[in-house]
Amino acid sequence: MEVRRVHFHVNKDKPEALSAYESLVGILPRFGMELCGKGDQADVVVALGGDGTILRAARLHGSVPVAGFNFGGLGYLASVDRSNFENALSMLAEGRFRISHRTMLEARTRDERTASIALNDIVLMRQLSGHAAILDLNVDGRDVARYFADGLIFATPTGSTAYSLAAGGPVLMPDSASFVVTPMNPHALGVRPMVVSDGVSMTVTSRARDSERGERDGRIGVYADGENVFNLDDGDILEIRKSPESATFVEFEGYDPYEVLSRKLGWSGHAKMA
């Protein structure tokens, strides 16, 4: 793939990202590349920020490959740390990278009232503090469990290193063709995260009132990559499955997902923050 037109998606709340943008734009011609004002007309979108910035860039620019230049903390989605920005531009110009298509999740209400997609995760969370969310999970027409918990996290392989990991879920490799369902603070010790094929269709029914316990939870918030996209009332059914859309990322020459996990998550004895 030939990269000649580059669009920058910048976290404008980070002065260092804005400064880097000005510097990188100035050296694009050195590598035979030019600035593209519109992301959908670019060969590559360079996201300057943390994982949140990269997520927004991936969702906003669709099929255009995104290269993450890290200005956040751990920056697991970022391909490049600050000391290697200029070298990364050189690798783009020379075609020393590959394109990775990342699975996304789609969530929609059973009555088709609303829908949303997510690269990291779909999270169902109680909206009323002090009350458990009561959620019935069904997979491919089979009842699996009734969860009494703070909520449920449905994570993609990409999102398995985010909120799901913090809640005790496993790490999935990018090519694992799976999703993980992770309960948040469940009210039973035997309840654990579950890995399912990304070919299944899942439904979650919100139980604002449980007839046996008489408990009331109130509305359940549905969050796509951290954004509250809609709410569920008692009896509402949410369908969750693999999205027909995918996110497209740049993986530079030498990229190794196992090395990234070891370095970013501290499995080698220390975590590199930037």
Protein backbone atom coordinates (compact mmCIF):
# COMPACT_ATOMS: atom_id res chain seq x y z
CA MET A 1 0.00 0.00 0.00
CA GLU A 2 1.29 3.44 -0.95
CA VAL A 3 0.81 6.27 1.56
CA ARG A 4 0.90 9.76 0.12
CA ARG A 5 -1.99 11.58 1.83
CA VAL A 6 -2.07 11.76 5.64
CA HIS A 7 -4.85 13.11 7.85
CA PHE A 8 -4.19 13.91 11.53
CA HIS A 9 -6.81 13.28 14.21
CA VAL A 10 -5.52 15.29 17.19
CA ASN A 11 -6.55 15.37 20.85
CA LYS A 12 -6.71 19.15 21.15
CA ASP A 13 -6.88 18.96 24.94
CA LYS A 14 -3.23 17.84 24.98
CA PRO A 15 -0.83 20.72 24.20
CA GLU A 16 1.96 18.24 23.49
CA ALA A 17 -0.22 16.57 20.84
CA LEU A 18 -0.87 19.91 19.14
CA SER A 19 2.85 20.68 19.21
CA ALA A 20 3.67 17.30 17.70
CA TYR A 21 1.04 17.86 15.00
CA GLU A 22 2.71 21.09 13.89
CA SER A 23 6.10 19.41 13.83
CA LEU A 24 4.95 16.31 11.94
CA VAL A 25 3.04 18.30 9.33
CA GLY A 26 6.22 20.24 8.65
CA ILE A 27 8.26 17.13 7.85
CA LEU A 28 5.69 15.26 5.74
CA PRO A 29 7.21 16.52 2.44
CA ARG A 30 10.54 15.02 3.45
CA PHE A 31 8.93 11.60 3.07
CA GLY A 32 7.00 12.42 -0.09
CA MET A 33 3.68 12.80 1.76
CA GLU A 34 1.19 15.63 2.07
CA LEU A 35 -1.42 16.76 4.57
CA CYS A 36 -5.00 15.76 3.81
CA GLY A 37 -7.73 17.85 5.40
CA LYS A 38 -10.45 15.19 5.20
CA GLY A 39 -9.98 11.78 6.75
CA ASP A 40 -12.11 9.93 4.21
CA GLN A 41 -9.81 11.10 1.41
CA ALA A 42 -6.58 10.11 3.19
CA ASP A 43 -4.50 6.98 2.75
CA VAL A 44 -3.84 6.87 6.52
CA VAL A 45 -5.20 8.69 9.57
CA VAL A 46 -2.60 9.42 12.25
CA ALA A 47 -4.24 9.71 15.69
CA LEU A 48 -2.28 11.88 18.14
CA GLY A 49 -3.44 11.13 21.68
CA GLY A 50 -4.26 8.24 23.96
CA ASP A 51 -6.45 5.20 23.44
CA GLY A 52 -9.62 7.32 23.65
CA THR A 53 -8.42 9.47 20.75
CA ILE A 54 -7.53 6.39 18.71
CA LEU A 55 -10.96 4.84 19.39
CA ARG A 56 -12.72 8.00 18.20
CA ALA A 57 -10.54 8.16 15.09
CA ALA A 58 -11.28 4.53 14.22
CA ARG A 59 -15.04 5.00 14.62
CA LEU A 60 -15.09 8.33 12.78
CA HIS A 61 -12.98 7.42 9.75
CA GLY A 62 -14.37 3.97 9.03
CA SER A 63 -12.31 2.00 6.52
CA VAL A 64 -9.31 4.38 6.47
CA PRO A 65 -6.39 2.76 8.37
CA VAL A 66 -5.54 4.44 11.68
CA ALA A 67 -2.02 4.70 13.08
CA GLY A 68 -1.93 5.50 16.80
CA PHE A 69 0.77 7.90 18.02
CA ASN A 70 0.66 7.73 21.82
CA PHE A 71 0.27 10.71 24.16
CA GLY A 72 -1.78 8.90 26.78
CA GLY A 73 -0.87 6.53 29.59
CA LEU A 74 -0.44 2.87 28.73
CA GLY A 75 -1.67 3.46 25.18
CA TYR A 76 -2.29 -0.18 24.33
CA LEU A 77 -3.93 0.73 21.00
CA ALA A 78 -1.08 3.03 20.00
CA SER A 79 1.47 1.69 17.54
CA VAL A 80 4.11 4.33 18.23
CA ASP A 81 5.59 6.00 21.29
CA ARG A 82 6.89 9.58 21.28
CA SER A 83 10.53 8.77 20.55
CA ASN A 84 9.59 7.03 17.28
CA PHE A 85 7.13 9.43 15.61
CA GLU A 86 9.48 10.51 12.81
CA ASN A 87 10.59 6.94 12.15
CA ALA A 88 6.94 5.87 11.92
CA LEU A 89 6.29 8.45 9.18
CA SER A 90 9.26 7.03 7.29
CA MET A 91 7.82 3.51 7.62
CA LEU A 92 4.45 4.71 6.31
CA ALA A 93 6.11 6.27 3.27
CA GLU A 94 8.12 3.10 2.59
CA GLY A 95 5.17 0.75 3.04
CA ARG A 96 6.75 -1.03 6.02
CA PHE A 97 3.49 -1.91 7.71
CA ARG A 98 0.45 -4.13 7.39
CA ILE A 99 -3.27 -3.51 7.80
CA SER A 100 -5.13 -5.13 10.68
CA HIS A 101 -8.92 -5.44 10.63
CA ARG A 102 -10.33 -5.42 14.17
CA THR A 103 -13.71 -6.90 15.05
CA MET A 104 -16.40 -4.56 16.35
CA LEU A 105 -19.57 -5.17 18.35
CA GLU A 106 -23.07 -4.10 17.40
CA ALA A 107 -25.81 -3.52 19.97
CA ARG A 108 -29.42 -2.82 19.12
CA THR A 109 -32.74 -2.97 20.90
CA ARG A 110 -35.01 -5.84 19.92
CA ASP A 111 -37.61 -3.41 18.58
CA GLU A 112 -34.94 -1.69 16.42
CA ARG A 113 -35.46 1.63 18.21
CA THR A 114 -31.76 2.37 18.40
CA ALA A 115 -28.38 0.79 17.66
CA SER A 116 -24.69 1.45 18.18
CA ILE A 117 -21.30 -0.08 17.40
CA ALA A 118 -18.15 -0.33 19.51
CA LEU A 119 -14.54 -1.27 18.95
CA ASN A 120 -13.69 -1.95 22.59
CA ASP A 121 -16.83 -2.90 24.44
CA ILE A 122 -20.54 -2.65 25.04
CA VAL A 123 -21.20 -2.13 28.75
CA LEU A 124 -24.52 -2.47 30.56
CA MET A 125 -24.39 -0.68 33.89
CA ARG A 126 -26.79 0.12 36.70
CA GLN A 127 -27.86 3.75 36.79
CA LEU A 128 -29.06 3.77 40.41
CA SER A 129 -26.33 3.53 43.02
CA GLY A 130 -26.82 0.90 45.72
CA HIS A 131 -29.00 -1.40 43.60
CA ALA A 132 -27.80 -4.39 41.61
CA ALA A 133 -28.43 -4.63 37.90
CA ILE A 134 -30.52 -7.72 37.12
CA LEU A 135 -29.67 -8.99 33.64
CA ASP A 136 -30.70 -12.21 31.88
CA LEU A 137 -28.21 -13.45 29.26
CA ASN A 138 -29.20 -15.66 26.34
CA VAL A 139 -26.71 -17.00 23.75
CA ASP A 140 -27.98 -18.35 20.43
CA GLY A 141 -31.43 -18.96 21.90
CA ARG A 142 -30.14 -20.68 25.05
CA ASP A 143 -30.57 -19.19 28.52
CA VAL A 144 -27.17 -18.84 30.18
CA ALA A 145 -27.47 -16.91 33.43
CA ARG A 146 -29.27 -14.29 35.46
CA TYR A 147 -26.68 -11.82 36.70
CA PHE A 148 -27.04 -9.79 39.89
CA ALA A 149 -24.13 -7.38 39.46
CA ASP A 150 -23.11 -3.79 38.86
CA GLY A 151 -23.31 -4.62 35.17
CA LEU A 152 -21.99 -6.67 32.26
CA ILE A 153 -19.13 -5.97 29.87
CA PHE A 154 -19.15 -7.42 26.34
CA ALA A 155 -15.63 -6.95 25.00
CA THR A 156 -13.95 -7.56 21.65
CA PRO A 157 -10.37 -8.90 21.51
CA THR A 158 -9.21 -5.28 21.16
CA GLY A 159 -11.29 -4.24 24.17
CA SER A 160 -10.25 -7.21 26.30
CA THR A 161 -7.27 -5.18 27.57
CA ALA A 162 -9.50 -2.26 28.65
CA TYR A 163 -12.46 -2.17 31.06
CA SER A 164 -13.00 -5.94 30.90
CA LEU A 165 -9.42 -6.61 32.02
CA ALA A 166 -9.84 -4.22 34.97
CA ALA A 167 -12.98 -6.16 35.95
CA GLY A 168 -11.09 -9.47 35.96
CA GLY A 169 -11.64 -10.62 32.37
CA PRO A 170 -9.06 -12.50 30.28
CA VAL A 171 -6.86 -11.05 27.55
CA LEU A 172 -7.89 -12.09 24.03
CA MET A 173 -5.42 -11.87 21.15
CA PRO A 174 -6.51 -9.73 18.17
CA ASP A 175 -7.09 -12.75 15.91
CA SER A 176 -8.91 -14.92 18.46
CA ALA A 177 -12.38 -14.62 16.81
CA SER A 178 -14.00 -14.43 20.25
CA PHE A 179 -15.81 -12.11 22.63
CA VAL A 180 -15.62 -12.06 26.41
CA VAL A 181 -18.59 -11.48 28.72
CA THR A 182 -17.35 -10.07 32.02
CA PRO A 183 -19.64 -9.44 35.02
CA MET A 184 -18.89 -6.37 37.13
CA ASN A 185 -18.85 -7.11 40.86
CA PRO A 186 -21.28 -10.05 40.71
CA HIS A 187 -23.20 -10.99 43.85
CA ALA A 188 -22.15 -14.66 43.63
CA LEU A 189 -18.64 -16.09 43.92
CA GLY A 190 -19.25 -18.70 41.22
CA VAL A 191 -19.95 -16.13 38.53
CA ARG A 192 -16.92 -15.70 36.26
CA PRO A 193 -16.07 -14.15 32.86
CA MET A 194 -17.03 -16.25 29.84
CA VAL A 195 -15.41 -16.41 26.38
CA VAL A 196 -17.74 -17.05 23.42
CA SER A 197 -17.30 -17.32 19.66
CA ASP A 198 -17.74 -14.04 17.79
CA GLY A 199 -20.28 -15.85 15.60
CA VAL A 200 -22.92 -16.09 18.33
CA SER A 201 -25.94 -13.85 18.82
CA MET A 202 -26.47 -12.67 22.39
CA THR A 203 -29.49 -11.04 24.01
CA VAL A 204 -29.70 -9.36 27.39
CA THR A 205 -33.03 -8.69 29.08
CA SER A 206 -33.13 -5.94 31.70
CA ARG A 207 -35.04 -6.80 34.87
CA ALA A 208 -35.63 -3.53 36.68
CA ARG A 209 -37.75 -5.42 39.19
CA ASP A 210 -37.10 -9.00 40.27
CA SER A 211 -40.38 -10.69 41.27
CA GLU A 212 -38.68 -13.11 43.66
CA ARG A 213 -36.53 -10.62 45.56
CA GLY A 214 -38.66 -7.55 45.17
CA GLU A 215 -35.58 -5.48 44.41
CA ARG A 216 -35.65 -2.52 42.10
CA ASP A 217 -32.71 -1.49 39.97
CA GLY A 218 -34.09 1.28 37.79
CA ARG A 219 -32.83 1.93 34.30
CA ILE A 220 -29.78 0.22 32.83
CA GLY A 221 -27.35 2.39 30.91
CA VAL A 222 -25.87 1.03 27.68
CA TYR A 223 -22.38 2.35 26.88
CA ALA A 224 -20.48 1.93 23.60
CA ASP A 225 -16.75 2.55 24.08
CA GLY A 226 -17.53 4.58 27.19
CA GLU A 227 -20.31 6.70 25.67
CA ASN A 228 -23.86 6.38 27.05
CA VAL A 229 -25.79 5.63 23.85
CA PHE A 230 -29.19 4.72 25.32
CA ASN A 231 -30.93 3.22 28.38
CA LEU A 232 -32.98 0.08 29.01
CA ASP A 233 -36.16 -0.09 31.05
CA ASP A 234 -37.70 -3.12 32.72
CA GLY A 235 -38.25 -5.88 30.15
CA ASP A 236 -36.24 -4.24 27.37
CA ILE A 237 -34.15 -6.65 25.30
CA LEU A 238 -30.76 -5.75 23.86
CA GLU A 239 -29.22 -7.77 21.02
CA ILE A 240 -25.42 -7.93 20.83
CA ARG A 241 -23.44 -9.51 18.01
CA LYS A 242 -20.47 -9.06 15.71
CA SER A 243 -20.79 -5.93 13.60
CA PRO A 244 -20.54 -6.21 9.80
CA GLU A 245 -18.20 -3.21 10.08
CA SER A 246 -14.61 -3.48 11.26
CA ALA A 247 -11.97 -1.01 12.40
CA THR A 248 -8.76 -0.77 10.40
CA PHE A 249 -5.39 -0.21 12.05
CA VAL A 250 -1.81 0.19 10.91
CA GLU A 251 0.60 -2.35 12.38
CA PHE A 252 4.16 -1.28 11.71
CA GLU A 253 6.92 -3.66 10.68
CA GLY A 254 8.03 -5.70 13.69
CA TYR A 255 4.72 -5.35 15.55
CA ASP A 256 4.26 -8.23 18.01
CA PRO A 257 1.05 -8.31 20.11
CA TYR A 258 2.70 -10.52 22.73
CA GLU A 259 5.57 -8.07 23.14
CA VAL A 260 3.09 -5.20 23.46
CA LEU A 261 1.22 -7.03 26.23
CA SER A 262 4.44 -7.81 28.07
CA ARG A 263 5.68 -4.23 27.84
CA LYS A 264 2.46 -2.29 28.37
CA LEU A 265 0.94 -4.49 31.10
CA GLY A 266 4.17 -5.07 32.97
CA TRP A 267 4.41 -8.83 32.44
CA SER A 268 8.16 -8.45 32.00
CA GLY A 269 8.42 -6.82 35.42
CA HIS A 270 7.58 -3.22 34.61
CA ALA A 271 5.03 -1.28 32.60
CA LYS A 272 6.09 1.36 30.10
CA MET A 273 3.71 4.29 30.33
CA ALA A 274 4.73 6.13 27.15
